[in-house]
């Protein structure tokens, strides 16, 4: 299992466009990929799951990856979040 915290610095937070991209990316891997914010934990298999988290600028989220291809999945998700969560 791999987990990493990210702080959202994008003023828009995680909105529909990046949530959709994140779900598509997660579906490319067999590993279970989850997003945690506070006490809530959701799987990255639905854009709605991500949007209901209400991840906004300044929030800390945790990505948790577990499975056969977790290293590859983690690397792809890490790159996406590192690029997507920064201010544009």
PDB file of N, CA and C in Angstrom:
ATOM      1  N   UNK A   1       0.832  -1.181   0.000  1.00  0.00           N
ATOM      2  CA  UNK A   1       0.000   0.000   0.000  1.00  0.00           C
ATOM      3  C   UNK A   1       0.878   1.247   0.000  1.00  0.00           C
ATOM      4  N   UNK A   2       0.471   2.215  -0.811  1.00  0.00           N
ATOM      5  CA  UNK A   2       1.184   3.481  -0.894  1.00  0.00           C
ATOM      6  C   UNK A   2       0.183   4.581  -0.594  1.00  0.00           C
ATOM      7  N   UNK A   3       0.581   5.547   0.230  1.00  0.00           N
ATOM      8  CA  UNK A   3      -0.290   6.699   0.467  1.00  0.00           C
ATOM      9  C   UNK A   3       0.553   7.968   0.521  1.00  0.00           C
ATOM     10  N   UNK A   4      -0.070   9.058   0.117  1.00  0.00           N
ATOM     11  CA  UNK A   4       0.632  10.336   0.116  1.00  0.00           C
ATOM     12  C   UNK A   4      -0.386  11.446   0.301  1.00  0.00           C
ATOM     13  N   UNK A   5       0.008  12.457   1.089  1.00  0.00           N
ATOM     14  CA  UNK A   5      -0.828  13.640   1.293  1.00  0.00           C
ATOM     15  C   UNK A   5      -0.501  14.706   0.261  1.00  0.00           C
ATOM     16  N   UNK A   6      -1.533  15.421  -0.135  1.00  0.00           N
ATOM     17  CA  UNK A   6      -1.397  16.538  -1.067  1.00  0.00           C
ATOM     18  C   UNK A   6      -2.183  17.713  -0.517  1.00  0.00           C
ATOM     19  N   UNK A   7      -1.635  18.908  -0.651  1.00  0.00           N
ATOM     20  CA  UNK A   7      -2.369  20.112  -0.292  1.00  0.00           C
ATOM     21  C   UNK A   7      -2.819  20.771  -1.582  1.00  0.00           C
ATOM     22  N   UNK A   8      -4.090  21.071  -1.649  1.00  0.00           N
ATOM     23  CA  UNK A   8      -4.655  21.674  -2.847  1.00  0.00           C
ATOM     24  C   UNK A   8      -4.340  23.162  -2.837  1.00  0.00           C
ATOM     25  N   UNK A   9      -3.612  23.625  -3.832  1.00  0.00           N
ATOM     26  CA  UNK A   9      -3.281  25.043  -3.932  1.00  0.00           C
ATOM     27  C   UNK A   9      -4.031  25.723  -5.074  1.00  0.00           C
ATOM     28  N   UNK A  10      -4.716  24.948  -5.880  1.00  0.00           N
ATOM     29  CA  UNK A  10      -5.516  25.504  -6.966  1.00  0.00           C
ATOM     30  C   UNK A  10      -6.732  26.218  -6.386  1.00  0.00           C
ATOM     31  N   UNK A  11      -6.990  27.431  -6.827  1.00  0.00           N
ATOM     32  CA  UNK A  11      -8.126  28.201  -6.316  1.00  0.00           C
ATOM     33  C   UNK A  11      -9.458  27.513  -6.570  1.00  0.00           C
ATOM     34  N   UNK A  12      -9.536  26.705  -7.629  1.00  0.00           N
ATOM     35  CA  UNK A  12     -10.786  26.025  -7.967  1.00  0.00           C
ATOM     36  C   UNK A  12     -10.986  24.743  -7.176  1.00  0.00           C
ATOM     37  N   UNK A  13      -9.968  24.271  -6.471  1.00  0.00           N
ATOM     38  CA  UNK A  13     -10.069  22.991  -5.775  1.00  0.00           C
ATOM     39  C   UNK A  13     -10.149  21.866  -6.790  1.00  0.00           C
ATOM     40  N   UNK A  14     -10.777  20.777  -6.413  1.00  0.00           N
ATOM     41  CA  UNK A  14     -10.985  19.675  -7.360  1.00  0.00           C
ATOM     42  C   UNK A  14     -12.418  19.784  -7.853  1.00  0.00           C
ATOM     43  N   UNK A  15     -12.568  20.271  -9.064  1.00  0.00           N
ATOM     44  CA  UNK A  15     -13.880  20.452  -9.674  1.00  0.00           C
ATOM     45  C   UNK A  15     -14.100  19.380 -10.741  1.00  0.00           C
ATOM     46  N   UNK A  16     -15.155  19.514 -11.531  1.00  0.00           N
ATOM     47  CA  UNK A  16     -15.589  18.452 -12.451  1.00  0.00           C
ATOM     48  C   UNK A  16     -14.516  18.013 -13.447  1.00  0.00           C
ATOM     49  N   UNK A  17     -13.819  18.948 -14.068  1.00  0.00           N
ATOM     50  CA  UNK A  17     -12.843  18.572 -15.098  1.00  0.00           C
ATOM     51  C   UNK A  17     -11.706  17.720 -14.540  1.00  0.00           C
ATOM     52  N   UNK A  18     -11.010  18.168 -13.489  1.00  0.00           N
ATOM     53  CA  UNK A  18      -9.943  17.307 -12.965  1.00  0.00           C
ATOM     54  C   UNK A  18     -10.478  16.027 -12.320  1.00  0.00           C
ATOM     55  N   UNK A  19     -11.673  16.075 -11.753  1.00  0.00           N
ATOM     56  CA  UNK A  19     -12.256  14.861 -11.166  1.00  0.00           C
ATOM     57  C   UNK A  19     -12.493  13.811 -12.246  1.00  0.00           C
ATOM     58  N   UNK A  20     -13.004  14.240 -13.393  1.00  0.00           N
ATOM     59  CA  UNK A  20     -13.238  13.313 -14.500  1.00  0.00           C
ATOM     60  C   UNK A  20     -11.930  12.710 -14.986  1.00  0.00           C
ATOM     61  N   UNK A  21     -10.910  13.538 -15.133  1.00  0.00           N
ATOM     62  CA  UNK A  21      -9.601  13.052 -15.576  1.00  0.00           C
ATOM     63  C   UNK A  21      -9.008  12.069 -14.571  1.00  0.00           C
ATOM     64  N   UNK A  22      -9.200  12.363 -13.294  1.00  0.00           N
ATOM     65  CA  UNK A  22      -8.661  11.507 -12.250  1.00  0.00           C
ATOM     66  C   UNK A  22      -9.332  10.128 -12.267  1.00  0.00           C
ATOM     67  N   UNK A  23     -10.638  10.087 -12.458  1.00  0.00           N
ATOM     68  CA  UNK A  23     -11.364   8.812 -12.534  1.00  0.00           C
ATOM     69  C   UNK A  23     -10.894   8.014 -13.747  1.00  0.00           C
ATOM     70  N   UNK A  24     -10.766   8.679 -14.892  1.00  0.00           N
ATOM     71  CA  UNK A  24     -10.291   7.982 -16.095  1.00  0.00           C
ATOM     72  C   UNK A  24      -8.909   7.390 -15.886  1.00  0.00           C
ATOM     73  N   UNK A  25      -8.043   8.162 -15.251  1.00  0.00           N
ATOM     74  CA  UNK A  25      -6.685   7.692 -14.985  1.00  0.00           C
ATOM     75  C   UNK A  25      -6.707   6.501 -14.030  1.00  0.00           C
ATOM     76  N   UNK A  26      -7.476   6.581 -12.980  1.00  0.00           N
ATOM     77  CA  UNK A  26      -7.553   5.508 -11.992  1.00  0.00           C
ATOM     78  C   UNK A  26      -8.074   4.214 -12.615  1.00  0.00           C
ATOM     79  N   UNK A  27      -8.983   4.321 -13.575  1.00  0.00           N
ATOM     80  CA  UNK A  27      -9.567   3.143 -14.211  1.00  0.00           C
ATOM     81  C   UNK A  27      -8.581   2.405 -15.119  1.00  0.00           C
ATOM     82  N   UNK A  28      -7.432   3.029 -15.410  1.00  0.00           N
ATOM     83  CA  UNK A  28      -6.411   2.385 -16.232  1.00  0.00           C
ATOM     84  C   UNK A  28      -5.626   1.320 -15.454  1.00  0.00           C
ATOM     85  N   UNK A  29      -5.828   1.277 -14.135  1.00  0.00           N
ATOM     86  CA  UNK A  29      -5.041   0.382 -13.284  1.00  0.00           C
ATOM     87  C   UNK A  29      -5.951  -0.587 -12.531  1.00  0.00           C
ATOM     88  N   UNK A  30      -5.390  -1.732 -12.179  1.00  0.00           N
ATOM     89  CA  UNK A  30      -6.138  -2.749 -11.434  1.00  0.00           C
ATOM     90  C   UNK A  30      -6.181  -2.448  -9.934  1.00  0.00           C
ATOM     91  N   UNK A  31      -5.233  -1.675  -9.452  1.00  0.00           N
ATOM     92  CA  UNK A  31      -5.160  -1.368  -8.024  1.00  0.00           C
ATOM     93  C   UNK A  31      -6.395  -0.599  -7.550  1.00  0.00           C
ATOM     94  N   UNK A  32      -6.691  -0.757  -6.275  1.00  0.00           N
ATOM     95  CA  UNK A  32      -7.721   0.055  -5.639  1.00  0.00           C
ATOM     96  C   UNK A  32      -7.111   1.407  -5.315  1.00  0.00           C
ATOM     97  N   UNK A  33      -7.730   2.464  -5.797  1.00  0.00           N
ATOM     98  CA  UNK A  33      -7.221   3.813  -5.570  1.00  0.00           C
ATOM     99  C   UNK A  33      -8.327   4.601  -4.875  1.00  0.00           C
ATOM    100  N   UNK A  34      -7.972   5.167  -3.725  1.00  0.00           N
ATOM    101  CA  UNK A  34      -8.950   5.893  -2.923  1.00  0.00           C
ATOM    102  C   UNK A  34      -8.449   7.291  -2.598  1.00  0.00           C
ATOM    103  N   UNK A  35      -9.405   8.158  -2.293  1.00  0.00           N
ATOM    104  CA  UNK A  35      -9.127   9.536  -1.900  1.00  0.00           C
ATOM    105  C   UNK A  35      -9.707   9.727  -0.509  1.00  0.00           C
ATOM    106  N   UNK A  36      -8.902  10.309   0.368  1.00  0.00           N
ATOM    107  CA  UNK A  36      -9.357  10.554   1.731  1.00  0.00           C
ATOM    108  C   UNK A  36      -9.238  12.039   2.040  1.00  0.00           C
ATOM    109  N   UNK A  37     -10.284  12.580   2.638  1.00  0.00           N
ATOM    110  CA  UNK A  37     -10.258  13.961   3.136  1.00  0.00           C
ATOM    111  C   UNK A  37     -10.935  13.939   4.490  1.00  0.00           C
ATOM    112  N   UNK A  38     -10.179  14.252   5.518  1.00  0.00           N
ATOM    113  CA  UNK A  38     -10.728  14.158   6.869  1.00  0.00           C
ATOM    114  C   UNK A  38     -11.057  12.711   7.179  1.00  0.00           C
ATOM    115  N   UNK A  39     -12.288  12.467   7.603  1.00  0.00           N
ATOM    116  CA  UNK A  39     -12.724  11.107   7.933  1.00  0.00           C
ATOM    117  C   UNK A  39     -13.363  10.386   6.756  1.00  0.00           C
ATOM    118  N   UNK A  40     -13.553  11.080   5.644  1.00  0.00           N
ATOM    119  CA  UNK A  40     -14.216  10.471   4.475  1.00  0.00           C
ATOM    120  C   UNK A  40     -13.214   9.797   3.561  1.00  0.00           C
ATOM    121  N   UNK A  41     -13.560   8.601   3.131  1.00  0.00           N
ATOM    122  CA  UNK A  41     -12.730   7.837   2.206  1.00  0.00           C
ATOM    123  C   UNK A  41     -13.622   7.363   1.075  1.00  0.00           C
ATOM    124  N   UNK A  42     -13.237   7.707  -0.177  1.00  0.00           N
ATOM    125  CA  UNK A  42     -14.021   7.286  -1.343  1.00  0.00           C
ATOM    126  C   UNK A  42     -13.097   6.659  -2.375  1.00  0.00           C
ATOM    127  N   UNK A  43     -13.650   5.743  -3.159  1.00  0.00           N
ATOM    128  CA  UNK A  43     -12.895   5.141  -4.254  1.00  0.00           C
ATOM    129  C   UNK A  43     -12.922   6.083  -5.447  1.00  0.00           C
ATOM    130  N   UNK A  44     -11.842   6.051  -6.218  1.00  0.00           N
ATOM    131  CA  UNK A  44     -11.756   6.897  -7.405  1.00  0.00           C
ATOM    132  C   UNK A  44     -12.371   6.191  -8.613  1.00  0.00           C
ATOM    133  N   UNK A  45     -13.606   5.783  -8.476  1.00  0.00           N
ATOM    134  CA  UNK A  45     -14.295   5.123  -9.581  1.00  0.00           C
ATOM    135  C   UNK A  45     -15.484   5.935 -10.075  1.00  0.00           C
ATOM    136  N   UNK A  46     -15.691   7.106  -9.482  1.00  0.00           N
ATOM    137  CA  UNK A  46     -16.812   7.948  -9.867  1.00  0.00           C
ATOM    138  C   UNK A  46     -16.473   9.415  -9.625  1.00  0.00           C
ATOM    139  N   UNK A  47     -16.774  10.246 -10.627  1.00  0.00           N
ATOM    140  CA  UNK A  47     -16.545  11.678 -10.474  1.00  0.00           C
ATOM    141  C   UNK A  47     -17.363  12.214  -9.300  1.00  0.00           C
ATOM    142  N   UNK A  48     -18.575  11.706  -9.139  1.00  0.00           N
ATOM    143  CA  UNK A  48     -19.439  12.149  -8.053  1.00  0.00           C
ATOM    144  C   UNK A  48     -18.814  11.883  -6.690  1.00  0.00           C
ATOM    145  N   UNK A  49     -18.146  10.735  -6.541  1.00  0.00           N
ATOM    146  CA  UNK A  49     -17.443  10.440  -5.289  1.00  0.00           C
ATOM    147  C   UNK A  49     -16.459  11.543  -4.952  1.00  0.00           C
ATOM    148  N   UNK A  50     -15.714  11.981  -5.950  1.00  0.00           N
ATOM    149  CA  UNK A  50     -14.689  13.009  -5.731  1.00  0.00           C
ATOM    150  C   UNK A  50     -15.332  14.357  -5.427  1.00  0.00           C
ATOM    151  N   UNK A  51     -16.335  14.731  -6.203  1.00  0.00           N
ATOM    152  CA  UNK A  51     -16.974  16.040  -6.023  1.00  0.00           C
ATOM    153  C   UNK A  51     -17.659  16.170  -4.670  1.00  0.00           C
ATOM    154  N   UNK A  52     -18.233  15.076  -4.167  1.00  0.00           N
ATOM    155  CA  UNK A  52     -18.911  15.153  -2.874  1.00  0.00           C
ATOM    156  C   UNK A  52     -17.938  15.340  -1.715  1.00  0.00           C
ATOM    157  N   UNK A  53     -16.654  15.130  -1.967  1.00  0.00           N
ATOM    158  CA  UNK A  53     -15.649  15.378  -0.933  1.00  0.00           C
ATOM    159  C   UNK A  53     -15.508  16.884  -0.666  1.00  0.00           C
ATOM    160  N   UNK A  54     -15.801  17.693  -1.674  1.00  0.00           N
ATOM    161  CA  UNK A  54     -15.694  19.134  -1.505  1.00  0.00           C
ATOM    162  C   UNK A  54     -14.273  19.603  -1.255  1.00  0.00           C
ATOM    163  N   UNK A  55     -13.308  19.037  -1.987  1.00  0.00           N
ATOM    164  CA  UNK A  55     -11.898  19.392  -1.805  1.00  0.00           C
ATOM    165  C   UNK A  55     -11.633  20.783  -2.386  1.00  0.00           C
ATOM    166  N   UNK A  56     -11.288  21.716  -1.517  1.00  0.00           N
ATOM    167  CA  UNK A  56     -11.091  23.118  -1.902  1.00  0.00           C
ATOM    168  C   UNK A  56      -9.642  23.557  -1.657  1.00  0.00           C
ATOM    169  N   UNK A  57      -9.345  24.736  -2.137  1.00  0.00           N
ATOM    170  CA  UNK A  57      -8.011  25.302  -1.939  1.00  0.00           C
ATOM    171  C   UNK A  57      -7.651  25.287  -0.453  1.00  0.00           C
ATOM    172  N   UNK A  58      -6.451  24.804  -0.158  1.00  0.00           N
ATOM    173  CA  UNK A  58      -5.971  24.742   1.213  1.00  0.00           C
ATOM    174  C   UNK A  58      -6.245  23.418   1.912  1.00  0.00           C
ATOM    175  N   UNK A  59      -7.155  22.615   1.374  1.00  0.00           N
ATOM    176  CA  UNK A  59      -7.463  21.316   1.968  1.00  0.00           C
ATOM    177  C   UNK A  59      -6.321  20.332   1.732  1.00  0.00           C
ATOM    178  N   UNK A  60      -6.175  19.396   2.648  1.00  0.00           N
ATOM    179  CA  UNK A  60      -5.237  18.297   2.478  1.00  0.00           C
ATOM    180  C   UNK A  60      -6.026  17.036   2.166  1.00  0.00           C
ATOM    181  N   UNK A  61      -5.611  16.355   1.125  1.00  0.00           N
ATOM    182  CA  UNK A  61      -6.218  15.079   0.748  1.00  0.00           C
ATOM    183  C   UNK A  61      -5.132  14.012   0.773  1.00  0.00           C
ATOM    184  N   UNK A  62      -5.551  12.780   0.895  1.00  0.00           N
ATOM    185  CA  UNK A  62      -4.618  11.655   0.878  1.00  0.00           C
ATOM    186  C   UNK A  62      -5.049  10.695  -0.212  1.00  0.00           C
ATOM    187  N   UNK A  63      -4.098  10.287  -1.026  1.00  0.00           N
ATOM    188  CA  UNK A  63      -4.351   9.263  -2.031  1.00  0.00           C
ATOM    189  C   UNK A  63      -3.789   7.954  -1.490  1.00  0.00           C
ATOM    190  N   UNK A  64      -4.587   6.899  -1.590  1.00  0.00           N
ATOM    191  CA  UNK A  64      -4.182   5.579  -1.120  1.00  0.00           C
ATOM    192  C   UNK A  64      -4.295   4.613  -2.293  1.00  0.00           C
ATOM    193  N   UNK A  65      -3.196   3.923  -2.598  1.00  0.00           N
ATOM    194  CA  UNK A  65      -3.151   2.998  -3.728  1.00  0.00           C
ATOM    195  C   UNK A  65      -2.717   1.633  -3.203  1.00  0.00           C
ATOM    196  N   UNK A  66      -3.496   0.598  -3.559  1.00  0.00           N
ATOM    197  CA  UNK A  66      -3.165  -0.743  -3.091  1.00  0.00           C
ATOM    198  C   UNK A  66      -3.550  -1.762  -4.153  1.00  0.00           C
ATOM    199  N   UNK A  67      -2.570  -2.592  -4.554  1.00  0.00           N
ATOM    200  CA  UNK A  67      -2.867  -3.631  -5.526  1.00  0.00           C
ATOM    201  C   UNK A  67      -1.642  -4.065  -6.305  1.00  0.00           C
ATOM    202  N   UNK A  68      -1.880  -4.924  -7.292  1.00  0.00           N
ATOM    203  CA  UNK A  68      -0.795  -5.516  -8.084  1.00  0.00           C
ATOM    204  C   UNK A  68       0.068  -4.491  -8.798  1.00  0.00           C
ATOM    205  N   UNK A  69      -0.566  -3.448  -9.328  1.00  0.00           N
ATOM    206  CA  UNK A  69       0.185  -2.442 -10.091  1.00  0.00           C
ATOM    207  C   UNK A  69       0.243  -1.106  -9.359  1.00  0.00           C
ATOM    208  N   UNK A  70       0.332  -1.180  -8.031  1.00  0.00           N
ATOM    209  CA  UNK A  70       0.272   0.041  -7.230  1.00  0.00           C
ATOM    210  C   UNK A  70       1.404   1.018  -7.513  1.00  0.00           C
ATOM    211  N   UNK A  71       2.591   0.536  -7.816  1.00  0.00           N
ATOM    212  CA  UNK A  71       3.693   1.465  -8.091  1.00  0.00           C
ATOM    213  C   UNK A  71       3.424   2.291  -9.341  1.00  0.00           C
ATOM    214  N   UNK A  72       2.986   1.640 -10.401  1.00  0.00           N
ATOM    215  CA  UNK A  72       2.680   2.351 -11.647  1.00  0.00           C
ATOM    216  C   UNK A  72       1.477   3.264 -11.454  1.00  0.00           C
ATOM    217  N   UNK A  73       0.457   2.767 -10.768  1.00  0.00           N
ATOM    218  CA  UNK A  73      -0.740   3.570 -10.529  1.00  0.00           C
ATOM    219  C   UNK A  73      -0.395   4.790  -9.689  1.00  0.00           C
ATOM    220  N   UNK A  74       0.376   4.573  -8.638  1.00  0.00           N
ATOM    221  CA  UNK A  74       0.778   5.681  -7.772  1.00  0.00           C
ATOM    222  C   UNK A  74       1.568   6.730  -8.550  1.00  0.00           C
ATOM    223  N   UNK A  75       2.511   6.297  -9.375  1.00  0.00           N
ATOM    224  CA  UNK A  75       3.335   7.240 -10.145  1.00  0.00           C
ATOM    225  C   UNK A  75       2.459   8.104 -11.051  1.00  0.00           C
ATOM    226  N   UNK A  76       1.486   7.493 -11.712  1.00  0.00           N
ATOM    227  CA  UNK A  76       0.610   8.239 -12.620  1.00  0.00           C
ATOM    228  C   UNK A  76      -0.292   9.209 -11.851  1.00  0.00           C
ATOM    229  N   UNK A  77      -0.868   8.744 -10.760  1.00  0.00           N
ATOM    230  CA  UNK A  77      -1.752   9.598  -9.947  1.00  0.00           C
ATOM    231  C   UNK A  77      -0.948  10.730  -9.319  1.00  0.00           C
ATOM    232  N   UNK A  78       0.249  10.425  -8.827  1.00  0.00           N
ATOM    233  CA  UNK A  78       1.106  11.447  -8.222  1.00  0.00           C
ATOM    234  C   UNK A  78       1.443  12.536  -9.224  1.00  0.00           C
ATOM    235  N   UNK A  79       1.817  12.140 -10.427  1.00  0.00           N
ATOM    236  CA  UNK A  79       2.142  13.139 -11.450  1.00  0.00           C
ATOM    237  C   UNK A  79       0.919  13.997 -11.764  1.00  0.00           C
ATOM    238  N   UNK A  80      -0.225  13.367 -11.937  1.00  0.00           N
ATOM    239  CA  UNK A  80      -1.449  14.103 -12.237  1.00  0.00           C
ATOM    240  C   UNK A  80      -1.771  15.106 -11.126  1.00  0.00           C
ATOM    241  N   UNK A  81      -1.774  14.643  -9.877  1.00  0.00           N
ATOM    242  CA  UNK A  81      -2.146  15.526  -8.776  1.00  0.00           C
ATOM    243  C   UNK A  81      -1.133  16.643  -8.560  1.00  0.00           C
ATOM    244  N   UNK A  82       0.132  16.336  -8.721  1.00  0.00           N
ATOM    245  CA  UNK A  82       1.164  17.354  -8.561  1.00  0.00           C
ATOM    246  C   UNK A  82       0.974  18.476  -9.586  1.00  0.00           C
ATOM    247  N   UNK A  83       0.620  18.109 -10.807  1.00  0.00           N
ATOM    248  CA  UNK A  83       0.402  19.108 -11.858  1.00  0.00           C
ATOM    249  C   UNK A  83      -0.962  19.783 -11.726  1.00  0.00           C
ATOM    250  N   UNK A  84      -1.989  19.042 -11.374  1.00  0.00           N
ATOM    251  CA  UNK A  84      -3.357  19.550 -11.396  1.00  0.00           C
ATOM    252  C   UNK A  84      -3.731  20.385 -10.182  1.00  0.00           C
ATOM    253  N   UNK A  85      -3.139  20.121  -9.028  1.00  0.00           N
ATOM    254  CA  UNK A  85      -3.550  20.795  -7.803  1.00  0.00           C
ATOM    255  C   UNK A  85      -2.846  22.119  -7.550  1.00  0.00           C
ATOM    256  N   UNK A  86      -1.913  22.473  -8.414  1.00  0.00           N
ATOM    257  CA  UNK A  86      -1.212  23.744  -8.209  1.00  0.00           C
ATOM    258  C   UNK A  86      -2.015  24.877  -8.847  1.00  0.00           C
ATOM    259  N   UNK A  87      -1.713  26.079  -8.445  1.00  0.00           N
ATOM    260  CA  UNK A  87      -2.378  27.252  -9.020  1.00  0.00           C
ATOM    261  C   UNK A  87      -2.040  27.382 -10.495  1.00  0.00           C
ATOM    262  N   UNK A  88      -3.008  27.729 -11.263  1.00  0.00           N
ATOM    263  CA  UNK A  88      -2.789  27.947 -12.696  1.00  0.00           C
ATOM    264  C   UNK A  88      -2.805  29.432 -12.997  1.00  0.00           C
TER     265      UNK A  88
END
